[in-house]
Amino acid sequence: MTFQVVLEPGEDNWIVAECPALPGCVSQGRTEEEAVSNIREAIELWLETELEKHLETLPPNAKLLEVTI
């Protein structure tokens, strides 16, 4: 998967990284490299959390498939 990430200057010279496609998925870093690394981890955790929440609400007879695009 590919996501767009927005990097903006934050307070105290930190760089804020946000993934607009994933509401609330924001991180930061002291450098651009650190901010990108941190937002990558935040995206992975955001997706894992959303999947877990969704799986908990599936009916017992639902089938779970993986589709590669």
PDB file of N, CA and C in Angstrom:
ATOM      1  N   MET A   1       0.839  -1.178   0.000  1.00  0.00           N
ATOM      2  CA  MET A   1       0.000   0.000   0.000  1.00  0.00           C
ATOM      3  C   MET A   1       0.881   1.237   0.000  1.00  0.00           C
ATOM      4  N   THR A   2       0.350   2.275  -0.575  1.00  0.00           N
ATOM      5  CA  THR A   2       1.060   3.545  -0.599  1.00  0.00           C
ATOM      6  C   THR A   2       0.139   4.623  -0.040  1.00  0.00           C
ATOM      7  N   PHE A   3       0.666   5.427   0.851  1.00  0.00           N
ATOM      8  CA  PHE A   3      -0.088   6.515   1.452  1.00  0.00           C
ATOM      9  C   PHE A   3       0.679   7.815   1.266  1.00  0.00           C
ATOM     10  N   GLN A   4      -0.041   8.890   1.052  1.00  0.00           N
ATOM     11  CA  GLN A   4       0.586  10.198   1.040  1.00  0.00           C
ATOM     12  C   GLN A   4       0.726  10.676   2.478  1.00  0.00           C
ATOM     13  N   VAL A   5       1.847  11.333   2.749  1.00  0.00           N
ATOM     14  CA  VAL A   5       2.136  11.858   4.085  1.00  0.00           C
ATOM     15  C   VAL A   5       2.488  13.330   3.935  1.00  0.00           C
ATOM     16  N   VAL A   6       1.943  14.140   4.816  1.00  0.00           N
ATOM     17  CA  VAL A   6       2.228  15.569   4.830  1.00  0.00           C
ATOM     18  C   VAL A   6       3.200  15.850   5.970  1.00  0.00           C
ATOM     19  N   LEU A   7       4.296  16.542   5.651  1.00  0.00           N
ATOM     20  CA  LEU A   7       5.265  16.962   6.670  1.00  0.00           C
ATOM     21  C   LEU A   7       5.154  18.474   6.821  1.00  0.00           C
ATOM     22  N   GLU A   8       5.032  18.925   8.072  1.00  0.00           N
ATOM     23  CA  GLU A   8       4.926  20.356   8.358  1.00  0.00           C
ATOM     24  C   GLU A   8       5.790  20.691   9.567  1.00  0.00           C
ATOM     25  N   PRO A   9       6.322  21.900   9.605  1.00  0.00           N
ATOM     26  CA  PRO A   9       7.074  22.310  10.795  1.00  0.00           C
ATOM     27  C   PRO A   9       6.137  22.406  11.993  1.00  0.00           C
ATOM     28  N   GLY A  10       6.603  21.909  13.111  1.00  0.00           N
ATOM     29  CA  GLY A  10       5.832  21.977  14.345  1.00  0.00           C
ATOM     30  C   GLY A  10       6.529  22.857  15.358  1.00  0.00           C
ATOM     31  N   GLU A  11       6.107  22.719  16.607  1.00  0.00           N
ATOM     32  CA  GLU A  11       6.703  23.514  17.676  1.00  0.00           C
ATOM     33  C   GLU A  11       8.106  23.011  18.000  1.00  0.00           C
ATOM     34  N   ASP A  12       8.935  23.899  18.472  1.00  0.00           N
ATOM     35  CA  ASP A  12      10.291  23.565  18.924  1.00  0.00           C
ATOM     36  C   ASP A  12      11.116  22.866  17.848  1.00  0.00           C
ATOM     37  N   ASN A  13      10.890  23.240  16.582  1.00  0.00           N
ATOM     38  CA  ASN A  13      11.640  22.701  15.436  1.00  0.00           C
ATOM     39  C   ASN A  13      11.408  21.226  15.170  1.00  0.00           C
ATOM     40  N   TRP A  14      10.354  20.654  15.706  1.00  0.00           N
ATOM     41  CA  TRP A  14       9.985  19.279  15.385  1.00  0.00           C
ATOM     42  C   TRP A  14       9.256  19.280  14.050  1.00  0.00           C
ATOM     43  N   ILE A  15       9.230  18.150  13.373  1.00  0.00           N
ATOM     44  CA  ILE A  15       8.501  18.009  12.120  1.00  0.00           C
ATOM     45  C   ILE A  15       7.295  17.111  12.379  1.00  0.00           C
ATOM     46  N   VAL A  16       6.117  17.616  12.049  1.00  0.00           N
ATOM     47  CA  VAL A  16       4.874  16.876  12.237  1.00  0.00           C
ATOM     48  C   VAL A  16       4.555  16.148  10.936  1.00  0.00           C
ATOM     49  N   ALA A  17       4.238  14.859  11.053  1.00  0.00           N
ATOM     50  CA  ALA A  17       3.882  14.028   9.905  1.00  0.00           C
ATOM     51  C   ALA A  17       2.444  13.555  10.079  1.00  0.00           C
ATOM     52  N   GLU A  18       1.657  13.702   9.016  1.00  0.00           N
ATOM     53  CA  GLU A  18       0.253  13.301   9.071  1.00  0.00           C
ATOM     54  C   GLU A  18      -0.101  12.528   7.812  1.00  0.00           C
ATOM     55  N   CYS A  19      -0.927  11.493   7.989  1.00  0.00           N
ATOM     56  CA  CYS A  19      -1.435  10.715   6.861  1.00  0.00           C
ATOM     57  C   CYS A  19      -2.904  11.088   6.686  1.00  0.00           C
ATOM     58  N   PRO A  20      -3.225  11.972   5.734  1.00  0.00           N
ATOM     59  CA  PRO A  20      -4.605  12.448   5.580  1.00  0.00           C
ATOM     60  C   PRO A  20      -5.623  11.346   5.299  1.00  0.00           C
ATOM     61  N   ALA A  21      -5.214  10.257   4.684  1.00  0.00           N
ATOM     62  CA  ALA A  21      -6.150   9.174   4.351  1.00  0.00           C
ATOM     63  C   ALA A  21      -6.613   8.406   5.590  1.00  0.00           C
ATOM     64  N   LEU A  22      -5.878   8.533   6.693  1.00  0.00           N
ATOM     65  CA  LEU A  22      -6.195   7.801   7.919  1.00  0.00           C
ATOM     66  C   LEU A  22      -6.461   8.814   9.035  1.00  0.00           C
ATOM     67  N   PRO A  23      -7.717   9.099   9.326  1.00  0.00           N
ATOM     68  CA  PRO A  23      -8.055  10.127  10.317  1.00  0.00           C
ATOM     69  C   PRO A  23      -7.364   9.905  11.662  1.00  0.00           C
ATOM     70  N   GLY A  24      -6.701  10.944  12.124  1.00  0.00           N
ATOM     71  CA  GLY A  24      -6.045  10.880  13.426  1.00  0.00           C
ATOM     72  C   GLY A  24      -4.668  10.250  13.402  1.00  0.00           C
ATOM     73  N   CYS A  25      -4.183   9.856  12.233  1.00  0.00           N
ATOM     74  CA  CYS A  25      -2.868   9.214  12.134  1.00  0.00           C
ATOM     75  C   CYS A  25      -1.811  10.303  11.963  1.00  0.00           C
ATOM     76  N   VAL A  26      -1.200  10.673  13.084  1.00  0.00           N
ATOM     77  CA  VAL A  26      -0.240  11.774  13.129  1.00  0.00           C
ATOM     78  C   VAL A  26       0.942  11.337  13.979  1.00  0.00           C
ATOM     79  N   SER A  27       2.126  11.803  13.609  1.00  0.00           N
ATOM     80  CA  SER A  27       3.317  11.542  14.397  1.00  0.00           C
ATOM     81  C   SER A  27       4.248  12.741  14.233  1.00  0.00           C
ATOM     82  N   GLN A  28       5.456  12.612  14.752  1.00  0.00           N
ATOM     83  CA  GLN A  28       6.419  13.699  14.632  1.00  0.00           C
ATOM     84  C   GLN A  28       7.830  13.158  14.789  1.00  0.00           C
ATOM     85  N   GLY A  29       8.803  13.991  14.503  1.00  0.00           N
ATOM     86  CA  GLY A  29      10.199  13.621  14.685  1.00  0.00           C
ATOM     87  C   GLY A  29      11.064  14.856  14.708  1.00  0.00           C
ATOM     88  N   ARG A  30      12.249  14.700  15.225  1.00  0.00           N
ATOM     89  CA  ARG A  30      13.180  15.832  15.281  1.00  0.00           C
ATOM     90  C   ARG A  30      13.751  16.145  13.898  1.00  0.00           C
ATOM     91  N   THR A  31      13.836  15.113  13.047  1.00  0.00           N
ATOM     92  CA  THR A  31      14.314  15.288  11.679  1.00  0.00           C
ATOM     93  C   THR A  31      13.253  14.749  10.726  1.00  0.00           C
ATOM     94  N   GLU A  32      13.398  15.069   9.446  1.00  0.00           N
ATOM     95  CA  GLU A  32      12.459  14.549   8.453  1.00  0.00           C
ATOM     96  C   GLU A  32      12.520  13.022   8.415  1.00  0.00           C
ATOM     97  N   GLU A  33      13.724  12.484   8.478  1.00  0.00           N
ATOM     98  CA  GLU A  33      13.894  11.027   8.465  1.00  0.00           C
ATOM     99  C   GLU A  33      13.188  10.371   9.647  1.00  0.00           C
ATOM    100  N   GLU A  34      13.339  10.940  10.827  1.00  0.00           N
ATOM    101  CA  GLU A  34      12.690  10.399  12.022  1.00  0.00           C
ATOM    102  C   GLU A  34      11.170  10.538  11.929  1.00  0.00           C
ATOM    103  N   ALA A  35      10.697  11.669  11.406  1.00  0.00           N
ATOM    104  CA  ALA A  35       9.256  11.879  11.259  1.00  0.00           C
ATOM    105  C   ALA A  35       8.661  10.857  10.296  1.00  0.00           C
ATOM    106  N   VAL A  36       9.348  10.580   9.190  1.00  0.00           N
ATOM    107  CA  VAL A  36       8.862   9.597   8.222  1.00  0.00           C
ATOM    108  C   VAL A  36       8.872   8.198   8.828  1.00  0.00           C
ATOM    109  N   SER A  37       9.918   7.860   9.540  1.00  0.00           N
ATOM    110  CA  SER A  37       9.982   6.557  10.207  1.00  0.00           C
ATOM    111  C   SER A  37       8.852   6.412  11.220  1.00  0.00           C
ATOM    112  N   ASN A  38       8.597   7.477  11.985  1.00  0.00           N
ATOM    113  CA  ASN A  38       7.553   7.431  13.006  1.00  0.00           C
ATOM    114  C   ASN A  38       6.155   7.357  12.395  1.00  0.00           C
ATOM    115  N   ILE A  39       5.915   8.078  11.285  1.00  0.00           N
ATOM    116  CA  ILE A  39       4.583   8.026  10.683  1.00  0.00           C
ATOM    117  C   ILE A  39       4.376   6.670  10.015  1.00  0.00           C
ATOM    118  N   ARG A  40       5.432   6.068   9.500  1.00  0.00           N
ATOM    119  CA  ARG A  40       5.307   4.720   8.936  1.00  0.00           C
ATOM    120  C   ARG A  40       4.835   3.742  10.014  1.00  0.00           C
ATOM    121  N   GLU A  41       5.432   3.827  11.194  1.00  0.00           N
ATOM    122  CA  GLU A  41       5.020   2.969  12.308  1.00  0.00           C
ATOM    123  C   GLU A  41       3.583   3.296  12.738  1.00  0.00           C
ATOM    124  N   ALA A  42       3.239   4.588  12.773  1.00  0.00           N
ATOM    125  CA  ALA A  42       1.885   4.990  13.154  1.00  0.00           C
ATOM    126  C   ALA A  42       0.851   4.460  12.158  1.00  0.00           C
ATOM    127  N   ILE A  43       1.177   4.483  10.865  1.00  0.00           N
ATOM    128  CA  ILE A  43       0.272   3.957   9.844  1.00  0.00           C
ATOM    129  C   ILE A  43       0.055   2.466  10.059  1.00  0.00           C
ATOM    130  N   GLU A  44       1.125   1.721  10.279  1.00  0.00           N
ATOM    131  CA  GLU A  44       1.004   0.276  10.519  1.00  0.00           C
ATOM    132  C   GLU A  44       0.122  -0.009  11.729  1.00  0.00           C
ATOM    133  N   LEU A  45       0.336   0.706  12.811  1.00  0.00           N
ATOM    134  CA  LEU A  45      -0.462   0.500  14.027  1.00  0.00           C
ATOM    135  C   LEU A  45      -1.910   0.918  13.815  1.00  0.00           C
ATOM    136  N   TRP A  46      -2.138   2.011  13.079  1.00  0.00           N
ATOM    137  CA  TRP A  46      -3.493   2.476  12.787  1.00  0.00           C
ATOM    138  C   TRP A  46      -4.248   1.394  12.028  1.00  0.00           C
ATOM    139  N   LEU A  47      -3.608   0.835  10.997  1.00  0.00           N
ATOM    140  CA  LEU A  47      -4.256  -0.203  10.190  1.00  0.00           C
ATOM    141  C   LEU A  47      -4.532  -1.465  11.010  1.00  0.00           C
ATOM    142  N   GLU A  48      -3.579  -1.878  11.830  1.00  0.00           N
ATOM    143  CA  GLU A  48      -3.783  -3.058  12.681  1.00  0.00           C
ATOM    144  C   GLU A  48      -4.956  -2.851  13.634  1.00  0.00           C
ATOM    145  N   THR A  49      -5.022  -1.677  14.244  1.00  0.00           N
ATOM    146  CA  THR A  49      -6.094  -1.375  15.197  1.00  0.00           C
ATOM    147  C   THR A  49      -7.452  -1.376  14.512  1.00  0.00           C
ATOM    148  N   GLU A  50      -7.539  -0.736  13.344  1.00  0.00           N
ATOM    149  CA  GLU A  50      -8.806  -0.703  12.611  1.00  0.00           C
ATOM    150  C   GLU A  50      -9.245  -2.100  12.188  1.00  0.00           C
ATOM    151  N   LEU A  51      -8.302  -2.930  11.762  1.00  0.00           N
ATOM    152  CA  LEU A  51      -8.633  -4.301  11.378  1.00  0.00           C
ATOM    153  C   LEU A  51      -9.165  -5.072  12.580  1.00  0.00           C
ATOM    154  N   GLU A  52      -8.509  -4.947  13.725  1.00  0.00           N
ATOM    155  CA  GLU A  52      -8.962  -5.643  14.930  1.00  0.00           C
ATOM    156  C   GLU A  52     -10.373  -5.185  15.325  1.00  0.00           C
ATOM    157  N   LYS A  53     -10.625  -3.877  15.274  1.00  0.00           N
ATOM    158  CA  LYS A  53     -11.958  -3.364  15.621  1.00  0.00           C
ATOM    159  C   LYS A  53     -13.000  -3.908  14.653  1.00  0.00           C
ATOM    160  N   HIS A  54     -12.660  -3.956  13.380  1.00  0.00           N
ATOM    161  CA  HIS A  54     -13.601  -4.452  12.374  1.00  0.00           C
ATOM    162  C   HIS A  54     -13.861  -5.948  12.567  1.00  0.00           C
ATOM    163  N   LEU A  55     -12.818  -6.729  12.832  1.00  0.00           N
ATOM    164  CA  LEU A  55     -12.984  -8.170  12.997  1.00  0.00           C
ATOM    165  C   LEU A  55     -13.872  -8.501  14.195  1.00  0.00           C
ATOM    166  N   GLU A  56     -13.804  -7.692  15.220  1.00  0.00           N
ATOM    167  CA  GLU A  56     -14.615  -7.926  16.416  1.00  0.00           C
ATOM    168  C   GLU A  56     -16.111  -7.735  16.148  1.00  0.00           C
ATOM    169  N   THR A  57     -16.451  -6.985  15.104  1.00  0.00           N
ATOM    170  CA  THR A  57     -17.856  -6.705  14.833  1.00  0.00           C
ATOM    171  C   THR A  57     -18.435  -7.586  13.729  1.00  0.00           C
ATOM    172  N   LEU A  58     -17.636  -8.478  13.159  1.00  0.00           N
ATOM    173  CA  LEU A  58     -18.138  -9.359  12.104  1.00  0.00           C
ATOM    174  C   LEU A  58     -19.079 -10.406  12.680  1.00  0.00           C
ATOM    175  N   PRO A  59     -20.111 -10.772  11.942  1.00  0.00           N
ATOM    176  CA  PRO A  59     -20.983 -11.853  12.406  1.00  0.00           C
ATOM    177  C   PRO A  59     -20.234 -13.181  12.388  1.00  0.00           C
ATOM    178  N   PRO A  60     -20.634 -14.127  13.208  1.00  0.00           N
ATOM    179  CA  PRO A  60     -19.912 -15.400  13.332  1.00  0.00           C
ATOM    180  C   PRO A  60     -19.810 -16.176  12.017  1.00  0.00           C
ATOM    181  N   ASN A  61     -20.756 -15.996  11.107  1.00  0.00           N
ATOM    182  CA  ASN A  61     -20.732 -16.760   9.861  1.00  0.00           C
ATOM    183  C   ASN A  61     -20.022 -16.022   8.721  1.00  0.00           C
ATOM    184  N   ALA A  62     -19.356 -14.896   9.008  1.00  0.00           N
ATOM    185  CA  ALA A  62     -18.656 -14.129   7.977  1.00  0.00           C
ATOM    186  C   ALA A  62     -17.379 -14.842   7.563  1.00  0.00           C
ATOM    187  N   LYS A  63     -17.004 -14.687   6.297  1.00  0.00           N
ATOM    188  CA  LYS A  63     -15.747 -15.231   5.786  1.00  0.00           C
ATOM    189  C   LYS A  63     -14.759 -14.081   5.627  1.00  0.00           C
ATOM    190  N   LEU A  64     -13.524 -14.343   5.995  1.00  0.00           N
ATOM    191  CA  LEU A  64     -12.464 -13.352   5.871  1.00  0.00           C
ATOM    192  C   LEU A  64     -11.519 -13.815   4.766  1.00  0.00           C
ATOM    193  N   LEU A  65     -11.368 -13.008   3.724  1.00  0.00           N
ATOM    194  CA  LEU A  65     -10.497 -13.326   2.597  1.00  0.00           C
ATOM    195  C   LEU A  65      -9.454 -12.235   2.447  1.00  0.00           C
ATOM    196  N   GLU A  66      -8.333 -12.568   1.835  1.00  0.00           N
ATOM    197  CA  GLU A  66      -7.320 -11.577   1.495  1.00  0.00           C
ATOM    198  C   GLU A  66      -7.282 -11.447  -0.008  1.00  0.00           C
ATOM    199  N   VAL A  67      -7.302 -10.210  -0.506  1.00  0.00           N
ATOM    200  CA  VAL A  67      -7.264  -9.940  -1.922  1.00  0.00           C
ATOM    201  C   VAL A  67      -6.097  -9.005  -2.196  1.00  0.00           C
ATOM    202  N   THR A  68      -5.222  -9.380  -3.091  1.00  0.00           N
ATOM    203  CA  THR A  68      -4.095  -8.543  -3.450  1.00  0.00           C
ATOM    204  C   THR A  68      -4.440  -7.768  -4.707  1.00  0.00           C
ATOM    205  N   ILE A  69      -4.191  -6.480  -4.666  1.00  0.00           N
ATOM    206  CA  ILE A  69      -4.503  -5.616  -5.803  1.00  0.00           C
ATOM    207  C   ILE A  69      -3.208  -5.161  -6.437  1.00  0.00           C
TER     208      ILE A  69
END
